[in-house]
Amino acid sequence: MCVLDNREVRKGWEPVKQSVAAVFEKHGAKVLTSKRWDERRLGYPMRGQLRGTFLLTYFEADTQNLVPIRRDLQFNEAVMRFLTLQCDEVPETAYEPEAEFDVNAIPVDDAPEVEEPAAEEPAKDGEAKDGDAKDGDAKDGEAKDGEAKDGEAKDGEADGEKAEGDGESAEAGAAEGEAASEASAEAKTAEGEAETKPEGDN
């Protein structure tokens, strides 16, 4: 099966069909039948074309000759794509006469549809466009008046907390000092009483 370029087909059907058959015969293949299968819209563009004519060909050839046949089909200007398959038996319908058709009746290649971008509608009065902040609204990442940004302490809060912490530390230190002094004085008094107690008194 060969997909032919409609631009070449419009120049003449028989010359195009003969040019394809010549590729097979050049490499020792025997063409059993070759005829137009259909003309239709393609599933995807080929050489910038959206339509193509399909040529169905049955032939006999040695497997070693398939590589040069495929190579020459790739370089044929009329052939956009091709597919070779092994066929155990040629169907009888393949030998039926080819239906006549007018190459000038081939539809003009469909032009790809290009969508025009939609025009943006102007914003109405009082409505903000996307990405614009309305009056009085703060944008993302910006703090409103009187509000502190994330990670920032309000005025006086950080200093007050720091001062309170220092005061608590000083009070704790003074209390520990007083307790130590009292314990030391009591220990000394006990030692003095023990030394002044007469020996032998129980």
N, C-alpha and C. Protein backbone atom coordinates (compact mmCIF):
# COMPACT_ATOMS: atom_id res chain seq x y z
N MET A 1 0.85 -1.18 0.00
CA MET A 1 0.00 0.00 0.00
C MET A 1 0.89 1.24 0.00
N CYS A 2 0.60 2.18 -0.90
CA CYS A 2 1.35 3.43 -0.99
C CYS A 2 0.38 4.60 -0.89
N VAL A 3 0.77 5.61 -0.14
CA VAL A 3 0.00 6.84 -0.05
C VAL A 3 0.68 7.85 -0.97
N LEU A 4 -0.06 8.27 -2.00
CA LEU A 4 0.53 9.14 -3.02
C LEU A 4 0.14 10.60 -2.77
N ASP A 5 1.05 11.46 -3.17
CA ASP A 5 0.84 12.90 -3.06
C ASP A 5 -0.17 13.34 -4.13
N ASN A 6 -1.25 13.97 -3.71
CA ASN A 6 -2.29 14.41 -4.65
C ASN A 6 -1.76 15.44 -5.65
N ARG A 7 -0.74 16.17 -5.29
CA ARG A 7 -0.17 17.14 -6.22
C ARG A 7 0.45 16.43 -7.42
N GLU A 8 1.03 15.25 -7.18
CA GLU A 8 1.59 14.46 -8.28
C GLU A 8 0.49 13.72 -9.03
N VAL A 9 -0.55 13.28 -8.30
CA VAL A 9 -1.65 12.56 -8.93
C VAL A 9 -2.39 13.46 -9.90
N ARG A 10 -2.56 14.72 -9.56
CA ARG A 10 -3.27 15.65 -10.44
C ARG A 10 -2.55 15.86 -11.77
N LYS A 11 -1.26 15.60 -11.80
CA LYS A 11 -0.50 15.74 -13.04
C LYS A 11 -0.78 14.60 -14.02
N GLY A 12 -1.36 13.53 -13.50
CA GLY A 12 -1.68 12.37 -14.35
C GLY A 12 -1.61 11.09 -13.55
N TRP A 13 -2.71 10.32 -13.57
CA TRP A 13 -2.76 9.12 -12.75
C TRP A 13 -1.88 8.00 -13.28
N GLU A 14 -1.98 7.72 -14.56
CA GLU A 14 -1.21 6.61 -15.14
C GLU A 14 0.30 6.81 -14.98
N PRO A 15 0.85 8.00 -15.27
CA PRO A 15 2.30 8.18 -15.08
C PRO A 15 2.74 7.93 -13.63
N VAL A 16 1.92 8.38 -12.67
CA VAL A 16 2.28 8.16 -11.28
C VAL A 16 2.25 6.68 -10.94
N LYS A 17 1.22 5.98 -11.38
CA LYS A 17 1.11 4.55 -11.10
C LYS A 17 2.24 3.77 -11.75
N GLN A 18 2.62 4.16 -12.93
CA GLN A 18 3.72 3.48 -13.62
C GLN A 18 5.07 3.73 -12.96
N SER A 19 5.23 4.94 -12.37
CA SER A 19 6.50 5.23 -11.70
C SER A 19 6.67 4.36 -10.46
N VAL A 20 5.56 4.05 -9.78
CA VAL A 20 5.63 3.18 -8.60
C VAL A 20 5.89 1.74 -9.03
N ALA A 21 5.20 1.28 -10.06
CA ALA A 21 5.41 -0.09 -10.55
C ALA A 21 6.84 -0.28 -11.04
N ALA A 22 7.44 0.77 -11.58
CA ALA A 22 8.81 0.67 -12.08
C ALA A 22 9.80 0.40 -10.95
N VAL A 23 9.50 0.88 -9.75
CA VAL A 23 10.38 0.62 -8.61
C VAL A 23 10.42 -0.87 -8.30
N PHE A 24 9.27 -1.53 -8.32
CA PHE A 24 9.23 -2.97 -8.05
C PHE A 24 9.92 -3.76 -9.16
N GLU A 25 9.63 -3.41 -10.39
CA GLU A 25 10.20 -4.14 -11.52
C GLU A 25 11.71 -3.94 -11.63
N LYS A 26 12.19 -2.80 -11.18
CA LYS A 26 13.63 -2.52 -11.23
C LYS A 26 14.42 -3.54 -10.42
N HIS A 27 13.83 -4.05 -9.34
CA HIS A 27 14.53 -4.98 -8.46
C HIS A 27 14.02 -6.41 -8.62
N GLY A 28 13.49 -6.72 -9.80
CA GLY A 28 13.13 -8.10 -10.14
C GLY A 28 11.79 -8.56 -9.59
N ALA A 29 10.98 -7.67 -9.10
CA ALA A 29 9.66 -8.05 -8.58
C ALA A 29 8.66 -8.11 -9.73
N LYS A 30 7.66 -8.98 -9.58
CA LYS A 30 6.60 -9.12 -10.57
C LYS A 30 5.32 -8.49 -10.02
N VAL A 31 4.84 -7.45 -10.69
CA VAL A 31 3.63 -6.77 -10.26
C VAL A 31 2.42 -7.56 -10.74
N LEU A 32 1.62 -8.04 -9.80
CA LEU A 32 0.43 -8.83 -10.14
C LEU A 32 -0.75 -7.92 -10.45
N THR A 33 -0.95 -6.94 -9.64
CA THR A 33 -2.03 -5.98 -9.86
C THR A 33 -1.72 -4.70 -9.10
N SER A 34 -2.14 -3.59 -9.63
CA SER A 34 -1.91 -2.29 -9.00
C SER A 34 -3.04 -1.36 -9.40
N LYS A 35 -3.79 -0.87 -8.43
CA LYS A 35 -4.91 0.01 -8.74
C LYS A 35 -5.23 0.94 -7.57
N ARG A 36 -5.98 1.96 -7.90
CA ARG A 36 -6.35 2.97 -6.90
C ARG A 36 -7.32 2.34 -5.89
N TRP A 37 -7.01 2.53 -4.63
CA TRP A 37 -7.87 1.99 -3.57
C TRP A 37 -8.87 3.04 -3.09
N ASP A 38 -8.39 4.27 -2.83
CA ASP A 38 -9.28 5.34 -2.38
C ASP A 38 -8.50 6.64 -2.31
N GLU A 39 -9.26 7.72 -2.20
CA GLU A 39 -8.68 9.05 -1.93
C GLU A 39 -9.42 9.59 -0.72
N ARG A 40 -8.66 9.96 0.32
CA ARG A 40 -9.33 10.38 1.55
C ARG A 40 -8.45 11.30 2.37
N ARG A 41 -9.06 11.83 3.41
CA ARG A 41 -8.34 12.69 4.35
C ARG A 41 -7.40 11.84 5.20
N LEU A 42 -6.20 12.35 5.47
CA LEU A 42 -5.20 11.63 6.24
C LEU A 42 -5.39 11.85 7.73
N GLY A 43 -4.89 10.91 8.51
CA GLY A 43 -5.00 11.02 9.96
C GLY A 43 -4.08 12.09 10.52
N TYR A 44 -3.00 12.42 9.80
CA TYR A 44 -2.06 13.46 10.21
C TYR A 44 -1.36 13.99 8.96
N PRO A 45 -0.83 15.20 9.00
CA PRO A 45 -0.21 15.78 7.80
C PRO A 45 1.00 14.96 7.33
N MET A 46 1.14 14.86 6.02
CA MET A 46 2.29 14.22 5.38
C MET A 46 2.82 15.17 4.31
N ARG A 47 4.05 15.60 4.50
CA ARG A 47 4.66 16.56 3.57
C ARG A 47 3.80 17.82 3.44
N GLY A 48 3.15 18.18 4.51
CA GLY A 48 2.31 19.36 4.50
C GLY A 48 0.95 19.15 3.86
N GLN A 49 0.63 17.89 3.50
CA GLN A 49 -0.65 17.57 2.86
C GLN A 49 -1.58 16.87 3.86
N LEU A 50 -2.87 17.18 3.75
CA LEU A 50 -3.87 16.57 4.63
C LEU A 50 -4.74 15.54 3.91
N ARG A 51 -4.54 15.38 2.62
CA ARG A 51 -5.27 14.37 1.86
C ARG A 51 -4.27 13.59 0.99
N GLY A 52 -4.67 12.37 0.60
CA GLY A 52 -3.79 11.55 -0.23
C GLY A 52 -4.56 10.49 -0.98
N THR A 53 -3.94 9.96 -2.04
CA THR A 53 -4.53 8.88 -2.83
C THR A 53 -3.80 7.58 -2.51
N PHE A 54 -4.57 6.52 -2.22
CA PHE A 54 -3.99 5.24 -1.82
C PHE A 54 -3.90 4.31 -3.03
N LEU A 55 -2.70 3.78 -3.25
CA LEU A 55 -2.44 2.84 -4.34
C LEU A 55 -2.15 1.47 -3.73
N LEU A 56 -3.01 0.46 -4.07
CA LEU A 56 -2.84 -0.90 -3.55
C LEU A 56 -2.18 -1.75 -4.62
N THR A 57 -1.01 -2.33 -4.29
CA THR A 57 -0.23 -3.11 -5.25
C THR A 57 0.08 -4.48 -4.67
N TYR A 58 -0.16 -5.53 -5.46
CA TYR A 58 0.24 -6.89 -5.11
C TYR A 58 1.40 -7.28 -6.02
N PHE A 59 2.46 -7.84 -5.43
CA PHE A 59 3.65 -8.18 -6.22
C PHE A 59 4.32 -9.41 -5.62
N GLU A 60 5.16 -10.05 -6.44
CA GLU A 60 5.97 -11.18 -6.01
C GLU A 60 7.43 -10.78 -6.10
N ALA A 61 8.20 -11.06 -5.03
CA ALA A 61 9.61 -10.69 -5.02
C ALA A 61 10.35 -11.51 -3.99
N ASP A 62 11.65 -11.69 -4.20
CA ASP A 62 12.49 -12.35 -3.21
C ASP A 62 12.64 -11.44 -2.00
N THR A 63 12.71 -12.06 -0.83
CA THR A 63 12.81 -11.26 0.39
C THR A 63 14.08 -10.40 0.41
N GLN A 64 15.14 -10.86 -0.24
CA GLN A 64 16.37 -10.09 -0.25
C GLN A 64 16.26 -8.81 -1.08
N ASN A 65 15.21 -8.73 -1.93
CA ASN A 65 15.02 -7.54 -2.76
C ASN A 65 14.09 -6.51 -2.10
N LEU A 66 13.54 -6.84 -0.95
CA LEU A 66 12.63 -5.91 -0.29
C LEU A 66 13.34 -4.66 0.22
N VAL A 67 14.56 -4.82 0.68
CA VAL A 67 15.29 -3.65 1.21
C VAL A 67 15.53 -2.60 0.13
N PRO A 68 16.05 -2.96 -1.04
CA PRO A 68 16.23 -1.93 -2.08
C PRO A 68 14.90 -1.37 -2.61
N ILE A 69 13.85 -2.20 -2.61
CA ILE A 69 12.54 -1.70 -3.04
C ILE A 69 12.05 -0.62 -2.09
N ARG A 70 12.14 -0.88 -0.80
CA ARG A 70 11.71 0.10 0.19
C ARG A 70 12.55 1.37 0.13
N ARG A 71 13.84 1.21 -0.13
CA ARG A 71 14.71 2.38 -0.21
C ARG A 71 14.31 3.29 -1.37
N ASP A 72 14.02 2.68 -2.52
CA ASP A 72 13.63 3.48 -3.69
C ASP A 72 12.25 4.11 -3.51
N LEU A 73 11.36 3.44 -2.79
CA LEU A 73 10.05 4.03 -2.53
C LEU A 73 10.18 5.27 -1.65
N GLN A 74 11.14 5.25 -0.74
CA GLN A 74 11.36 6.40 0.13
C GLN A 74 11.82 7.62 -0.67
N PHE A 75 12.54 7.40 -1.75
CA PHE A 75 13.06 8.51 -2.55
C PHE A 75 12.14 8.88 -3.70
N ASN A 76 11.02 8.18 -3.83
CA ASN A 76 10.06 8.51 -4.89
C ASN A 76 9.27 9.75 -4.47
N GLU A 77 9.25 10.79 -5.30
CA GLU A 77 8.59 12.05 -4.96
C GLU A 77 7.09 11.89 -4.81
N ALA A 78 6.50 10.93 -5.50
CA ALA A 78 5.05 10.77 -5.46
C ALA A 78 4.59 10.00 -4.23
N VAL A 79 5.48 9.20 -3.64
CA VAL A 79 5.11 8.34 -2.50
C VAL A 79 5.41 9.06 -1.18
N MET A 80 4.35 9.34 -0.41
CA MET A 80 4.53 9.98 0.90
C MET A 80 4.75 8.96 2.01
N ARG A 81 4.03 7.83 1.94
CA ARG A 81 4.19 6.74 2.90
C ARG A 81 3.91 5.43 2.17
N PHE A 82 4.44 4.32 2.73
CA PHE A 82 4.15 3.01 2.15
C PHE A 82 4.24 1.95 3.23
N LEU A 83 3.60 0.83 2.98
CA LEU A 83 3.59 -0.30 3.91
C LEU A 83 3.59 -1.58 3.10
N THR A 84 4.58 -2.46 3.37
CA THR A 84 4.66 -3.75 2.68
C THR A 84 4.35 -4.87 3.67
N LEU A 85 3.46 -5.75 3.28
CA LEU A 85 3.05 -6.88 4.11
C LEU A 85 3.08 -8.17 3.29
N GLN A 86 3.28 -9.29 3.98
CA GLN A 86 3.25 -10.59 3.32
C GLN A 86 1.80 -11.04 3.18
N CYS A 87 1.46 -11.49 1.99
CA CYS A 87 0.10 -11.94 1.70
C CYS A 87 0.16 -13.38 1.18
N ASP A 88 -0.55 -14.27 1.86
CA ASP A 88 -0.53 -15.68 1.46
C ASP A 88 -1.29 -15.90 0.15
N GLU A 89 -2.36 -15.15 -0.03
CA GLU A 89 -3.17 -15.33 -1.23
C GLU A 89 -3.75 -13.99 -1.67
N VAL A 90 -3.68 -13.73 -2.96
CA VAL A 90 -4.22 -12.48 -3.49
C VAL A 90 -5.72 -12.62 -3.66
N PRO A 91 -6.51 -11.72 -3.09
CA PRO A 91 -7.97 -11.83 -3.23
C PRO A 91 -8.40 -11.60 -4.67
N GLU A 92 -9.51 -12.23 -5.05
CA GLU A 92 -9.99 -12.12 -6.43
C GLU A 92 -10.39 -10.69 -6.78
N THR A 93 -10.84 -9.94 -5.78
CA THR A 93 -11.26 -8.56 -6.05
C THR A 93 -10.10 -7.68 -6.50
N ALA A 94 -8.86 -8.12 -6.20
CA ALA A 94 -7.70 -7.33 -6.58
C ALA A 94 -7.50 -7.31 -8.08
N TYR A 95 -8.06 -8.32 -8.79
CA TYR A 95 -7.89 -8.40 -10.24
C TYR A 95 -9.03 -7.72 -11.00
N GLU A 96 -9.98 -7.17 -10.28
CA GLU A 96 -11.07 -6.48 -10.95
C GLU A 96 -10.57 -5.19 -11.58
N PRO A 97 -11.17 -4.78 -12.68
CA PRO A 97 -10.72 -3.56 -13.36
C PRO A 97 -10.83 -2.35 -12.43
N GLU A 98 -9.90 -1.47 -12.62
CA GLU A 98 -9.88 -0.26 -11.80
C GLU A 98 -10.98 0.69 -12.25
N ALA A 99 -11.69 1.25 -11.29
CA ALA A 99 -12.75 2.20 -11.63
C ALA A 99 -12.13 3.51 -12.12
N GLU A 100 -12.75 4.07 -13.13
CA GLU A 100 -12.24 5.33 -13.68
C GLU A 100 -12.55 6.48 -12.73
N PHE A 101 -11.67 7.44 -12.71
CA PHE A 101 -11.90 8.61 -11.88
C PHE A 101 -11.17 9.80 -12.51
N ASP A 102 -11.68 10.96 -12.20
CA ASP A 102 -11.13 12.20 -12.75
C ASP A 102 -10.18 12.81 -11.72
N VAL A 103 -8.93 12.98 -12.11
CA VAL A 103 -7.96 13.54 -11.16
C VAL A 103 -8.30 14.98 -10.80
N ASN A 104 -9.01 15.65 -11.68
CA ASN A 104 -9.39 17.04 -11.40
C ASN A 104 -10.52 17.12 -10.38
N ALA A 105 -11.16 15.98 -10.10
CA ALA A 105 -12.24 15.96 -9.12
C ALA A 105 -11.73 15.72 -7.70
N ILE A 106 -10.42 15.55 -7.57
CA ILE A 106 -9.86 15.35 -6.24
C ILE A 106 -10.07 16.61 -5.41
N PRO A 107 -10.62 16.51 -4.22
CA PRO A 107 -10.87 17.71 -3.40
C PRO A 107 -9.57 18.47 -3.12
N VAL A 108 -9.72 19.76 -3.03
CA VAL A 108 -8.58 20.59 -2.69
C VAL A 108 -8.15 20.27 -1.26
N ASP A 109 -6.85 20.24 -1.05
CA ASP A 109 -6.33 19.89 0.27
C ASP A 109 -6.90 20.82 1.32
N ASP A 110 -7.43 20.23 2.40
CA ASP A 110 -8.04 21.04 3.45
C ASP A 110 -6.99 21.89 4.14
N ALA A 111 -7.28 23.17 4.23
CA ALA A 111 -6.37 24.07 4.94
C ALA A 111 -6.57 23.90 6.43
N PRO A 112 -5.49 23.83 7.20
CA PRO A 112 -5.65 23.68 8.66
C PRO A 112 -6.37 24.87 9.24
N GLU A 113 -7.27 24.61 10.17
CA GLU A 113 -8.03 25.68 10.80
C GLU A 113 -7.18 26.36 11.87
N VAL A 114 -7.15 27.68 11.79
CA VAL A 114 -6.39 28.47 12.75
C VAL A 114 -7.36 29.29 13.58
N GLU A 115 -7.37 29.05 14.87
CA GLU A 115 -8.28 29.76 15.75
C GLU A 115 -7.71 31.13 16.10
N GLU A 116 -8.54 32.14 15.92
CA GLU A 116 -8.11 33.49 16.26
C GLU A 116 -8.25 33.71 17.76
N PRO A 117 -7.26 34.37 18.37
CA PRO A 117 -7.35 34.61 19.82
C PRO A 117 -8.50 35.54 20.13
N ALA A 118 -9.23 35.24 21.19
CA ALA A 118 -10.37 36.06 21.58
C ALA A 118 -9.90 37.39 22.14
N ALA A 119 -10.59 38.46 21.75
CA ALA A 119 -10.22 39.80 22.21
C ALA A 119 -10.58 39.96 23.68
N GLU A 120 -9.72 40.62 24.43
CA GLU A 120 -9.98 40.82 25.85
C GLU A 120 -11.02 41.91 26.03
N GLU A 121 -11.98 41.66 26.91
CA GLU A 121 -13.01 42.65 27.18
C GLU A 121 -12.49 43.67 28.17
N PRO A 122 -12.75 44.94 27.92
CA PRO A 122 -12.29 45.98 28.86
C PRO A 122 -12.96 45.82 30.21
N ALA A 123 -12.23 46.12 31.27
CA ALA A 123 -12.78 45.99 32.62
C ALA A 123 -13.78 47.10 32.88
N LYS A 124 -14.85 46.74 33.57
CA LYS A 124 -15.87 47.73 33.89
C LYS A 124 -15.40 48.62 35.03
N ASP A 125 -16.06 49.78 35.14
CA ASP A 125 -15.69 50.72 36.19
C ASP A 125 -15.90 50.08 37.55
N GLY A 126 -14.91 50.21 38.42
CA GLY A 126 -15.03 49.67 39.77
C GLY A 126 -14.56 48.24 39.88
N GLU A 127 -14.26 47.56 38.73
CA GLU A 127 -13.79 46.18 38.75
C GLU A 127 -12.29 46.15 38.47
N ALA A 128 -11.57 45.40 39.28
CA ALA A 128 -10.13 45.33 39.10
C ALA A 128 -9.80 44.18 38.16
N LYS A 129 -8.78 44.32 37.34
CA LYS A 129 -8.33 43.26 36.46
C LYS A 129 -7.63 42.19 37.28
N ASP A 130 -7.46 41.03 36.64
CA ASP A 130 -6.77 39.94 37.32
C ASP A 130 -5.36 40.37 37.68
N GLY A 131 -4.98 40.15 38.92
CA GLY A 131 -3.64 40.48 39.35
C GLY A 131 -3.54 41.86 39.95
N ASP A 132 -4.58 42.71 39.75
CA ASP A 132 -4.57 44.05 40.32
C ASP A 132 -5.35 44.04 41.63
N ALA A 133 -4.82 44.69 42.67
CA ALA A 133 -5.51 44.75 43.95
C ALA A 133 -6.49 45.90 43.93
N LYS A 134 -7.66 45.68 44.53
CA LYS A 134 -8.65 46.73 44.62
C LYS A 134 -8.20 47.76 45.65
N ASP A 135 -8.86 48.94 45.59
CA ASP A 135 -8.53 50.01 46.52
C ASP A 135 -8.78 49.53 47.93
N GLY A 136 -7.79 49.74 48.80
CA GLY A 136 -7.94 49.37 50.20
C GLY A 136 -7.50 47.96 50.49
N ASP A 137 -7.30 47.11 49.44
CA ASP A 137 -6.85 45.74 49.66
C ASP A 137 -5.35 45.67 49.47
N ALA A 138 -4.68 44.98 50.39
CA ALA A 138 -3.24 44.85 50.27
C ALA A 138 -2.91 43.71 49.34
N LYS A 139 -1.87 43.84 48.55
CA LYS A 139 -1.43 42.77 47.66
C LYS A 139 -0.78 41.68 48.48
N ASP A 140 -0.61 40.52 47.83
CA ASP A 140 0.00 39.39 48.51
C ASP A 140 1.40 39.77 48.97
N GLY A 141 1.73 39.47 50.21
CA GLY A 141 3.05 39.73 50.73
C GLY A 141 3.18 41.12 51.32
N GLU A 142 2.15 42.01 51.15
CA GLU A 142 2.21 43.36 51.69
C GLU A 142 1.26 43.45 52.88
N ALA A 143 1.71 44.08 53.98
CA ALA A 143 0.89 44.19 55.18
C ALA A 143 0.06 45.45 55.10
N LYS A 144 -1.14 45.36 55.64
CA LYS A 144 -1.99 46.54 55.70
C LYS A 144 -1.45 47.49 56.76
N ASP A 145 -1.96 48.74 56.74
CA ASP A 145 -1.54 49.74 57.71
C ASP A 145 -1.86 49.25 59.12
N GLY A 146 -0.89 49.36 60.03
CA GLY A 146 -1.11 48.99 61.43
C GLY A 146 -0.88 47.52 61.69
N GLU A 147 -0.67 46.67 60.65
CA GLU A 147 -0.44 45.25 60.84
C GLU A 147 1.01 44.93 60.58
N ALA A 148 1.59 44.10 61.40
CA ALA A 148 2.98 43.74 61.22
C ALA A 148 3.09 42.61 60.21
N LYS A 149 4.15 42.57 59.42
CA LYS A 149 4.38 41.49 58.46
C LYS A 149 4.75 40.23 59.22
N ASP A 150 4.62 39.10 58.51
CA ASP A 150 4.96 37.82 59.13
C ASP A 150 6.42 37.81 59.52
N GLY A 151 6.71 37.34 60.72
CA GLY A 151 8.10 37.23 61.19
C GLY A 151 8.59 38.49 61.86
N GLU A 152 7.78 39.61 61.84
CA GLU A 152 8.21 40.85 62.47
C GLU A 152 7.34 41.10 63.70
N ALA A 153 7.94 41.48 64.84
CA ALA A 153 7.19 41.76 66.06
C ALA A 153 6.75 43.21 66.05
N LYS A 154 5.60 43.46 66.64
CA LYS A 154 5.14 44.84 66.73
C LYS A 154 6.06 45.63 67.64
N ASP A 155 5.97 46.98 67.49
CA ASP A 155 6.83 47.86 68.26
C ASP A 155 6.57 47.66 69.75
N GLY A 156 7.64 47.43 70.54
CA GLY A 156 7.55 47.35 72.00
C GLY A 156 7.33 45.94 72.50
N GLU A 157 6.81 45.02 71.65
CA GLU A 157 6.53 43.68 72.14
C GLU A 157 7.82 42.91 72.39
N ALA A 158 8.74 42.96 71.43
CA ALA A 158 9.97 42.20 71.58
C ALA A 158 10.81 42.75 72.73
N ASP A 159 10.92 44.10 72.83
CA ASP A 159 11.74 44.67 73.89
C ASP A 159 11.15 44.34 75.25
N GLY A 160 9.78 44.40 75.41
CA GLY A 160 9.14 44.11 76.68
C GLY A 160 9.39 42.69 77.12
N GLU A 161 9.27 41.74 76.16
CA GLU A 161 9.49 40.34 76.50
C GLU A 161 10.92 40.10 76.94
N LYS A 162 11.85 40.80 76.28
CA LYS A 162 13.26 40.62 76.63
C LYS A 162 13.53 41.15 78.03
N ALA A 163 12.94 42.32 78.36
CA ALA A 163 13.17 42.92 79.69
C ALA A 163 12.59 42.02 80.78
N GLU A 164 11.41 41.49 80.57
CA GLU A 164 10.81 40.60 81.56
C GLU A 164 11.67 39.38 81.81
N GLY A 165 12.24 38.85 80.75
CA GLY A 165 13.10 37.67 80.90
C GLY A 165 14.34 37.99 81.70
N ASP A 166 14.93 39.18 81.46
CA ASP A 166 16.13 39.55 82.21
C ASP A 166 15.80 39.74 83.68
N GLY A 167 14.59 40.34 84.00
CA GLY A 167 14.20 40.56 85.40
C GLY A 167 14.02 39.25 86.14
N GLU A 168 13.39 38.28 85.50
CA GLU A 168 13.18 36.99 86.14
C GLU A 168 14.51 36.30 86.42
N SER A 169 15.46 36.43 85.50
CA SER A 169 16.77 35.81 85.71
C SER A 169 17.47 36.44 86.90
N ALA A 170 17.37 37.80 87.06
CA ALA A 170 18.05 38.49 88.18
C ALA A 170 17.44 38.07 89.51
N GLU A 171 16.09 37.98 89.58
CA GLU A 171 15.43 37.58 90.82
C GLU A 171 15.82 36.18 91.23
N ALA A 172 15.89 35.27 90.28
CA ALA A 172 16.28 33.89 90.58
C ALA A 172 17.69 33.83 91.11
N GLY A 173 18.56 34.64 90.55
CA GLY A 173 19.96 34.65 91.00
C GLY A 173 20.08 35.17 92.43
N ALA A 174 19.30 36.22 92.76
CA ALA A 174 19.36 36.79 94.12
C ALA A 174 18.84 35.77 95.14
N ALA A 175 17.77 35.07 94.81
CA ALA A 175 17.21 34.08 95.73
C ALA A 175 18.20 32.96 95.99
N GLU A 176 18.88 32.50 94.97
CA GLU A 176 19.87 31.43 95.14
C GLU A 176 21.01 31.89 96.03
N GLY A 177 21.42 33.20 95.88
CA GLY A 177 22.52 33.73 96.71
C GLY A 177 22.15 33.78 98.17
N GLU A 178 20.92 34.22 98.46
CA GLU A 178 20.48 34.30 99.85
C GLU A 178 20.42 32.91 100.49
N ALA A 179 19.90 31.92 99.79
CA ALA A 179 19.80 30.57 100.33
C ALA A 179 21.18 30.01 100.63
N ALA A 180 22.15 30.30 99.78
CA ALA A 180 23.50 29.80 100.00
C ALA A 180 24.13 30.44 101.23
N SER A 181 23.88 31.75 101.44
CA SER A 181 24.46 32.45 102.60
C SER A 181 23.89 31.89 103.90
N GLU A 182 22.57 31.68 103.94
CA GLU A 182 21.94 31.14 105.13
C GLU A 182 22.47 29.74 105.47
N ALA A 183 22.64 28.90 104.46
CA ALA A 183 23.15 27.55 104.70
C ALA A 183 24.56 27.59 105.22
N SER A 184 25.37 28.52 104.74
CA SER A 184 26.76 28.62 105.19
C SER A 184 26.83 29.08 106.64
N ALA A 185 25.95 30.05 107.02
CA ALA A 185 25.94 30.57 108.40
C ALA A 185 25.52 29.48 109.38
N GLU A 186 24.50 28.70 109.01
CA GLU A 186 24.05 27.62 109.89
C GLU A 186 25.12 26.57 110.10
N ALA A 187 25.90 26.30 109.04
CA ALA A 187 26.96 25.30 109.17
C ALA A 187 28.05 25.77 110.11
N LYS A 188 28.41 27.04 110.01
CA LYS A 188 29.46 27.57 110.89
C LYS A 188 28.99 27.55 112.36
N THR A 189 27.73 27.89 112.64
CA THR A 189 27.21 27.90 114.01
C THR A 189 27.25 26.50 114.60
N ALA A 190 26.89 25.53 113.81
CA ALA A 190 26.91 24.15 114.30
C ALA A 190 28.32 23.71 114.63
N GLU A 191 29.29 24.08 113.83
CA GLU A 191 30.70 23.70 114.08
C GLU A 191 31.19 24.35 115.37
N GLY A 192 30.78 25.65 115.60
CA GLY A 192 31.24 26.35 116.82
C GLY A 192 30.66 25.72 118.07
N GLU A 193 29.45 25.29 118.08
CA GLU A 193 28.82 24.65 119.22
C GLU A 193 29.48 23.33 119.54
N ALA A 194 29.85 22.63 118.46
CA ALA A 194 30.50 21.34 118.68
C ALA A 194 31.86 21.51 119.33
N GLU A 195 32.62 22.54 118.96
CA GLU A 195 33.96 22.75 119.51
C GLU A 195 33.90 23.19 120.99
N THR A 196 32.90 24.00 121.36
CA THR A 196 32.82 24.52 122.73
C THR A 196 32.17 23.56 123.71
N LYS A 197 31.60 22.46 123.30
CA LYS A 197 30.96 21.51 124.19
C LYS A 197 32.03 20.73 124.96
N PRO A 198 31.97 20.68 126.30
CA PRO A 198 33.02 19.98 127.11
C PRO A 198 33.04 18.49 126.77
N GLU A 199 34.32 17.94 126.83
CA GLU A 199 34.47 16.53 126.53
C GLU A 199 33.92 15.73 127.72
N GLY A 200 33.42 14.64 127.54
CA GLY A 200 32.88 13.78 128.56
C GLY A 200 31.40 13.98 128.79
N ASP A 201 30.83 15.09 128.36
CA ASP A 201 29.39 15.26 128.53
C ASP A 201 28.69 14.47 127.46
N ASN A 202 27.74 13.70 127.91
CA ASN A 202 27.01 12.91 126.94
C ASN A 202 25.64 13.47 126.76
